[in-house]
Amino acid sequence: MKRILIGICVLAMVAGLGACSRLNPEERAAEPNLTFTQLTGDDAIPATYGQLVSVTTDDSFAGWAQLWFEGEDGTITTVFVKYVNGSLRQKVLVIPRS
């Protein structure tokens, strides 16, 4: 029974690998369209960033939170806040939308 189960697993892996294909070089080398810009205010988040839509945290960046804003044109702006001391990172992530 053990040999049959191993054979089925190997067959499934071979079938899965057969479905893989290489990416076109153009697809792999696509230019990123995400940019970082300077925060336009030192001690406040500008109202021009739009409405706050979400707040996230990540264990790999302890003490930091990401505030996600959606502008009137749909642009997403992410502001990074160090909540342990109340400071703002001077670079914000801008994600354009079309």
N, C-alpha and C. Protein backbone atom coordinates (compact mmCIF):
# COMPACT_ATOMS: atom_id res chain seq x y z
N MET A 1 0.82 -1.18 0.00
CA MET A 1 0.00 0.00 0.00
C MET A 1 0.88 1.27 0.00
N LYS A 2 1.97 1.18 0.77
CA LYS A 2 2.87 2.33 0.87
C LYS A 2 3.51 2.64 -0.49
N ARG A 3 3.87 1.62 -1.25
CA ARG A 3 4.48 1.81 -2.57
C ARG A 3 3.48 2.45 -3.54
N ILE A 4 2.24 2.06 -3.45
CA ILE A 4 1.22 2.63 -4.33
C ILE A 4 1.02 4.10 -4.02
N LEU A 5 0.97 4.45 -2.75
CA LEU A 5 0.79 5.85 -2.34
C LEU A 5 1.98 6.70 -2.80
N ILE A 6 3.19 6.19 -2.66
CA ILE A 6 4.37 6.92 -3.13
C ILE A 6 4.32 7.08 -4.65
N GLY A 7 3.91 6.06 -5.35
CA GLY A 7 3.80 6.13 -6.81
C GLY A 7 2.78 7.17 -7.25
N ILE A 8 1.67 7.24 -6.56
CA ILE A 8 0.64 8.24 -6.88
C ILE A 8 1.16 9.65 -6.63
N CYS A 9 1.89 9.84 -5.53
CA CYS A 9 2.46 11.16 -5.23
C CYS A 9 3.47 11.58 -6.29
N VAL A 10 4.34 10.66 -6.70
CA VAL A 10 5.33 10.96 -7.74
C VAL A 10 4.63 11.28 -9.05
N LEU A 11 3.63 10.54 -9.41
CA LEU A 11 2.88 10.79 -10.63
C LEU A 11 2.20 12.15 -10.59
N ALA A 12 1.64 12.52 -9.46
CA ALA A 12 0.99 13.83 -9.32
C ALA A 12 2.02 14.95 -9.45
N MET A 13 3.20 14.78 -8.89
CA MET A 13 4.25 15.80 -9.00
C MET A 13 4.71 15.95 -10.44
N VAL A 14 4.88 14.85 -11.15
CA VAL A 14 5.31 14.90 -12.56
C VAL A 14 4.24 15.59 -13.39
N ALA A 15 2.99 15.28 -13.16
CA ALA A 15 1.89 15.93 -13.90
C ALA A 15 1.85 17.42 -13.60
N GLY A 16 2.09 17.81 -12.36
CA GLY A 16 2.10 19.23 -11.99
C GLY A 16 3.26 19.97 -12.63
N LEU A 17 4.43 19.36 -12.67
CA LEU A 17 5.58 19.99 -13.30
C LEU A 17 5.39 20.12 -14.81
N GLY A 18 4.68 19.19 -15.41
CA GLY A 18 4.43 19.26 -16.84
C GLY A 18 3.54 20.42 -17.22
N ALA A 19 2.76 20.94 -16.29
CA ALA A 19 1.87 22.07 -16.57
C ALA A 19 2.58 23.42 -16.46
N CYS A 20 3.82 23.43 -15.98
CA CYS A 20 4.57 24.68 -15.82
C CYS A 20 5.09 25.16 -17.17
N SER A 21 5.21 26.46 -17.30
CA SER A 21 5.80 27.03 -18.51
C SER A 21 6.61 28.26 -18.13
N ARG A 22 7.60 28.60 -18.97
CA ARG A 22 8.44 29.77 -18.72
C ARG A 22 7.68 31.04 -19.03
N LEU A 23 8.01 32.09 -18.27
CA LEU A 23 7.45 33.40 -18.54
C LEU A 23 8.21 34.05 -19.69
N ASN A 24 7.53 34.87 -20.46
CA ASN A 24 8.22 35.64 -21.50
C ASN A 24 9.16 36.63 -20.82
N PRO A 25 10.32 36.92 -21.43
CA PRO A 25 11.24 37.88 -20.82
C PRO A 25 10.59 39.25 -20.62
N GLU A 26 9.67 39.64 -21.51
CA GLU A 26 8.99 40.93 -21.35
C GLU A 26 8.14 40.95 -20.09
N GLU A 27 7.52 39.82 -19.76
CA GLU A 27 6.67 39.75 -18.57
C GLU A 27 7.51 39.81 -17.29
N ARG A 28 8.68 39.18 -17.32
CA ARG A 28 9.54 39.15 -16.14
C ARG A 28 10.21 40.49 -15.91
N ALA A 29 10.51 41.21 -16.95
CA ALA A 29 11.27 42.46 -16.84
C ALA A 29 10.37 43.69 -16.85
N ALA A 30 9.11 43.52 -16.47
CA ALA A 30 8.20 44.67 -16.47
C ALA A 30 8.67 45.71 -15.46
N GLU A 31 8.57 46.95 -15.84
CA GLU A 31 8.96 48.05 -14.97
C GLU A 31 7.93 48.21 -13.85
N PRO A 32 8.38 48.37 -12.63
CA PRO A 32 7.43 48.59 -11.54
C PRO A 32 6.79 49.96 -11.69
N ASN A 33 5.49 50.03 -11.39
CA ASN A 33 4.80 51.31 -11.49
C ASN A 33 4.50 51.90 -10.12
N LEU A 34 5.09 51.33 -9.09
CA LEU A 34 4.91 51.86 -7.75
C LEU A 34 6.06 52.80 -7.43
N THR A 35 5.75 53.91 -6.82
CA THR A 35 6.79 54.88 -6.50
C THR A 35 6.68 55.33 -5.05
N PHE A 36 7.80 55.75 -4.51
CA PHE A 36 7.83 56.38 -3.20
C PHE A 36 8.02 57.87 -3.42
N THR A 37 7.27 58.67 -2.69
CA THR A 37 7.43 60.12 -2.75
C THR A 37 7.63 60.64 -1.34
N GLN A 38 8.03 61.88 -1.24
CA GLN A 38 8.23 62.51 0.06
C GLN A 38 6.89 62.88 0.69
N LEU A 39 6.78 62.70 1.98
CA LEU A 39 5.62 63.14 2.73
C LEU A 39 5.56 64.66 2.65
N THR A 40 4.39 65.20 2.30
CA THR A 40 4.30 66.64 2.09
C THR A 40 4.12 67.44 3.37
N GLY A 41 3.89 66.78 4.48
CA GLY A 41 3.79 67.46 5.77
C GLY A 41 4.68 66.78 6.78
N ASP A 42 5.28 67.53 7.68
CA ASP A 42 6.20 66.92 8.66
C ASP A 42 5.50 66.25 9.83
N ASP A 43 4.44 66.86 10.31
CA ASP A 43 3.81 66.34 11.52
C ASP A 43 2.35 65.98 11.32
N ALA A 44 1.88 65.97 10.08
CA ALA A 44 0.49 65.64 9.82
C ALA A 44 0.37 64.95 8.46
N ILE A 45 -0.67 64.18 8.30
CA ILE A 45 -0.94 63.53 7.02
C ILE A 45 -1.85 64.46 6.22
N PRO A 46 -1.43 64.84 5.02
CA PRO A 46 -2.22 65.79 4.23
C PRO A 46 -3.60 65.24 3.88
N ALA A 47 -4.60 66.10 3.94
CA ALA A 47 -5.96 65.72 3.58
C ALA A 47 -6.07 65.38 2.10
N THR A 48 -5.11 65.84 1.30
CA THR A 48 -5.14 65.55 -0.14
C THR A 48 -4.92 64.08 -0.45
N TYR A 49 -4.44 63.31 0.52
CA TYR A 49 -4.27 61.87 0.31
C TYR A 49 -5.63 61.16 0.24
N GLY A 50 -6.69 61.79 0.70
CA GLY A 50 -8.03 61.22 0.62
C GLY A 50 -8.49 60.60 1.92
N GLN A 51 -9.45 59.69 1.79
CA GLN A 51 -10.06 59.04 2.94
C GLN A 51 -9.25 57.83 3.38
N LEU A 52 -9.13 57.66 4.70
CA LEU A 52 -8.47 56.48 5.25
C LEU A 52 -9.38 55.28 5.01
N VAL A 53 -8.84 54.23 4.37
CA VAL A 53 -9.66 53.06 4.08
C VAL A 53 -9.22 51.82 4.84
N SER A 54 -7.95 51.81 5.34
CA SER A 54 -7.49 50.63 6.07
C SER A 54 -6.23 50.96 6.86
N VAL A 55 -6.00 50.16 7.90
CA VAL A 55 -4.77 50.22 8.68
C VAL A 55 -4.28 48.78 8.81
N THR A 56 -2.99 48.57 8.47
CA THR A 56 -2.43 47.23 8.57
C THR A 56 -1.12 47.28 9.35
N THR A 57 -0.72 46.13 9.87
CA THR A 57 0.57 45.98 10.53
C THR A 57 1.23 44.72 9.98
N ASP A 58 2.52 44.60 10.21
CA ASP A 58 3.27 43.44 9.74
C ASP A 58 4.28 43.08 10.82
N ASP A 59 4.31 41.82 11.21
CA ASP A 59 5.22 41.38 12.27
C ASP A 59 6.69 41.61 11.92
N SER A 60 7.02 41.64 10.63
CA SER A 60 8.42 41.84 10.25
C SER A 60 8.86 43.30 10.41
N PHE A 61 7.90 44.22 10.61
CA PHE A 61 8.21 45.63 10.87
C PHE A 61 7.57 46.02 12.20
N ALA A 62 8.12 45.50 13.27
CA ALA A 62 7.54 45.71 14.60
C ALA A 62 7.48 47.19 14.95
N GLY A 63 6.35 47.61 15.47
CA GLY A 63 6.17 48.99 15.89
C GLY A 63 5.68 49.92 14.80
N TRP A 64 5.53 49.41 13.57
CA TRP A 64 5.08 50.22 12.44
C TRP A 64 3.70 49.79 11.99
N ALA A 65 2.92 50.76 11.52
CA ALA A 65 1.62 50.49 10.92
C ALA A 65 1.57 51.20 9.57
N GLN A 66 0.77 50.66 8.67
CA GLN A 66 0.59 51.27 7.36
C GLN A 66 -0.84 51.80 7.29
N LEU A 67 -0.97 53.08 6.98
CA LEU A 67 -2.27 53.70 6.82
C LEU A 67 -2.52 53.85 5.32
N TRP A 68 -3.63 53.29 4.84
CA TRP A 68 -3.95 53.27 3.42
C TRP A 68 -5.04 54.29 3.14
N PHE A 69 -4.75 55.23 2.23
CA PHE A 69 -5.69 56.28 1.87
C PHE A 69 -6.08 56.14 0.40
N GLU A 70 -7.33 56.46 0.09
CA GLU A 70 -7.79 56.48 -1.30
C GLU A 70 -8.16 57.90 -1.67
N GLY A 71 -7.48 58.42 -2.69
CA GLY A 71 -7.73 59.78 -3.16
C GLY A 71 -8.97 59.84 -4.05
N GLU A 72 -9.38 61.06 -4.39
CA GLU A 72 -10.56 61.24 -5.23
C GLU A 72 -10.40 60.60 -6.60
N ASP A 73 -9.18 60.54 -7.12
CA ASP A 73 -8.93 59.93 -8.43
C ASP A 73 -8.69 58.43 -8.34
N GLY A 74 -8.81 57.85 -7.14
CA GLY A 74 -8.62 56.42 -6.95
C GLY A 74 -7.21 56.04 -6.55
N THR A 75 -6.27 56.98 -6.57
CA THR A 75 -4.89 56.69 -6.20
C THR A 75 -4.82 56.23 -4.74
N ILE A 76 -4.05 55.19 -4.51
CA ILE A 76 -3.85 54.68 -3.15
C ILE A 76 -2.52 55.23 -2.64
N THR A 77 -2.52 55.82 -1.46
CA THR A 77 -1.32 56.33 -0.83
C THR A 77 -1.16 55.65 0.52
N THR A 78 0.03 55.11 0.76
CA THR A 78 0.30 54.42 2.02
C THR A 78 1.28 55.24 2.84
N VAL A 79 0.86 55.57 4.06
CA VAL A 79 1.69 56.33 5.00
C VAL A 79 2.13 55.36 6.09
N PHE A 80 3.41 55.40 6.43
CA PHE A 80 3.97 54.50 7.43
C PHE A 80 4.12 55.26 8.75
N VAL A 81 3.52 54.71 9.81
CA VAL A 81 3.51 55.37 11.11
C VAL A 81 4.20 54.46 12.13
N LYS A 82 5.18 55.03 12.84
CA LYS A 82 5.81 54.30 13.94
C LYS A 82 5.03 54.64 15.20
N TYR A 83 4.12 53.76 15.55
CA TYR A 83 3.19 54.07 16.63
C TYR A 83 3.80 54.00 18.02
N VAL A 84 4.99 53.42 18.17
CA VAL A 84 5.61 53.37 19.49
C VAL A 84 6.11 54.74 19.94
N ASN A 85 6.42 55.63 18.95
CA ASN A 85 6.85 56.98 19.34
C ASN A 85 6.08 58.08 18.60
N GLY A 86 5.12 57.69 17.77
CA GLY A 86 4.27 58.67 17.11
C GLY A 86 4.90 59.40 15.94
N SER A 87 5.88 58.78 15.27
CA SER A 87 6.53 59.46 14.15
C SER A 87 6.02 58.93 12.81
N LEU A 88 6.17 59.75 11.78
CA LEU A 88 5.79 59.39 10.43
C LEU A 88 7.05 59.18 9.59
N ARG A 89 7.05 58.16 8.76
CA ARG A 89 8.16 57.97 7.81
C ARG A 89 8.03 59.05 6.73
N GLN A 90 9.14 59.59 6.31
CA GLN A 90 9.12 60.70 5.36
C GLN A 90 8.85 60.25 3.93
N LYS A 91 8.85 58.95 3.65
CA LYS A 91 8.51 58.45 2.32
C LYS A 91 7.17 57.74 2.39
N VAL A 92 6.33 58.02 1.39
CA VAL A 92 5.03 57.37 1.29
C VAL A 92 4.97 56.60 -0.03
N LEU A 93 4.23 55.52 -0.04
CA LEU A 93 4.05 54.70 -1.23
C LEU A 93 2.84 55.20 -1.99
N VAL A 94 3.00 55.42 -3.30
CA VAL A 94 1.89 55.88 -4.13
C VAL A 94 1.60 54.79 -5.17
N ILE A 95 0.34 54.35 -5.20
CA ILE A 95 -0.09 53.32 -6.13
C ILE A 95 -1.14 53.93 -7.05
N PRO A 96 -0.79 54.18 -8.32
CA PRO A 96 -1.76 54.77 -9.24
C PRO A 96 -2.82 53.76 -9.65
N ARG A 97 -3.99 54.27 -10.03
CA ARG A 97 -5.07 53.41 -10.51
C ARG A 97 -5.58 53.99 -11.83
N SER A 98 -6.01 53.11 -12.69
CA SER A 98 -6.52 53.58 -13.98
C SER A 98 -7.97 53.22 -14.15
